[in-house]
Amino acid sequence: MTDDIRTLIQELCEASPEQSDAAEQALCALGTRAVHELLPLLSDPTGPGRLRALSCLGAIGSEAVPVLQRIRREGPGQLRRPALEALGDLAGGQALEERDLRAVDRLVRIKLIDERSEDLPIGRWIAVNTGQVDDIVSALGLHHTRPATVEMGICAAVEFENSVEFHRIDQPMEHAYRVFITPQFDGWRLIYGDDFINDHWAWAVEKLSSRGKQAHFYLVDDFDGANVWWVAQNGSDRRGYRTYGDPQWVGEPMDFERSLMVDEDDPLYDAAEHADYAEGVTDPESVASWISIPPNTVSIAERSDHGWLAVTHQEVPHERFKGALRI
């Protein structure tokens, strides 16, 4: 049987798409018997069989967890690392033993010592002009706050599972979210968490701005052409734009917008430019460059502190979320 599995592994990586599909189906059908042979494919991040192997392990599902846990404890040594990744993807931190959780925590703290700033993704984010993480945690009612590298935080809050359903006794189903608070960049911290922000951005910027601060929400959605930017101050909406909003504009133009509005009496008047800025600025990245900091420029910004990962419910720890986070 082992030789048959190795033949299927070879076909999974090297055969035609049709043969690879057939090999993947056969390996999935073998269940836990295929786990040991699939794991080496995870060790090569650019290998042709990595995604296929992840798919197979996902299909095998929870039945693979005891096998992977045994590999973590007993080896073979070369499979321990990919077994850890597979456990994170299949079951999250709740499938890891205490010593593995401690090892991950130590690695994070080591990485934070000399972490270099990398630009952050453009998509949806909140910006708040406070360097105090406690203020953000308190305003949003966050829990289980822990240090995190930027790569780890973006994985957790954007790329992998960042919301889970749970319910308390005699209570309706609720959602718990993962939220990543970035290091401070030029006096601003950015907040990521795709599902949380998608569901609660208006509430979040109101709460974050309620203590004399300013909080912004930005959305750049290239898929359907939606742009949104919103500024709240002292707990109230100050200015906002939504491509598909009704109304599109809220509040009076901010100073930076007025500086871009072209006066028809100006000798340098340009009709096209006037049309662009007649009502205000619509591009969220441009707005961020004027009044906070765009995510794709933080690598050249002045940085302090490090990132923090948190969840929105005390009852739901980080270990409930699936995904093998890069550190």
Foldseek 3Di string as FASTA:
>chain_A
DVVVLVVLLCQLQDNDPVSVVVSLVVLLVVAQVNLVVLQVLCVDPPGRNNVSSLVSLVSSAPVNLVVLQVCCVPHPPVRNVSSLQSCQQRFFQVSDDPVVVVVVLVVFVVCVVDPADAFDDAFKKKKWQAQDPVLLCVLLVWDPKDFGAPQLQCCQQPVFDFKDWDDDPPGDIDIKGKKKWWFAFQRMIMIGHVVCCVVCVVSSQLSSQQPQIKMKIWGQDPVVRWTKIWIDHNNGTAWIAIPPDVVRIDHQEDPVLVVQADDPPDPPDDPVSNVCRVRGHGHRQVVCVVPNHHSNPRSVTDGDDGMMMTMNDPVDHSRRTGGDGDD
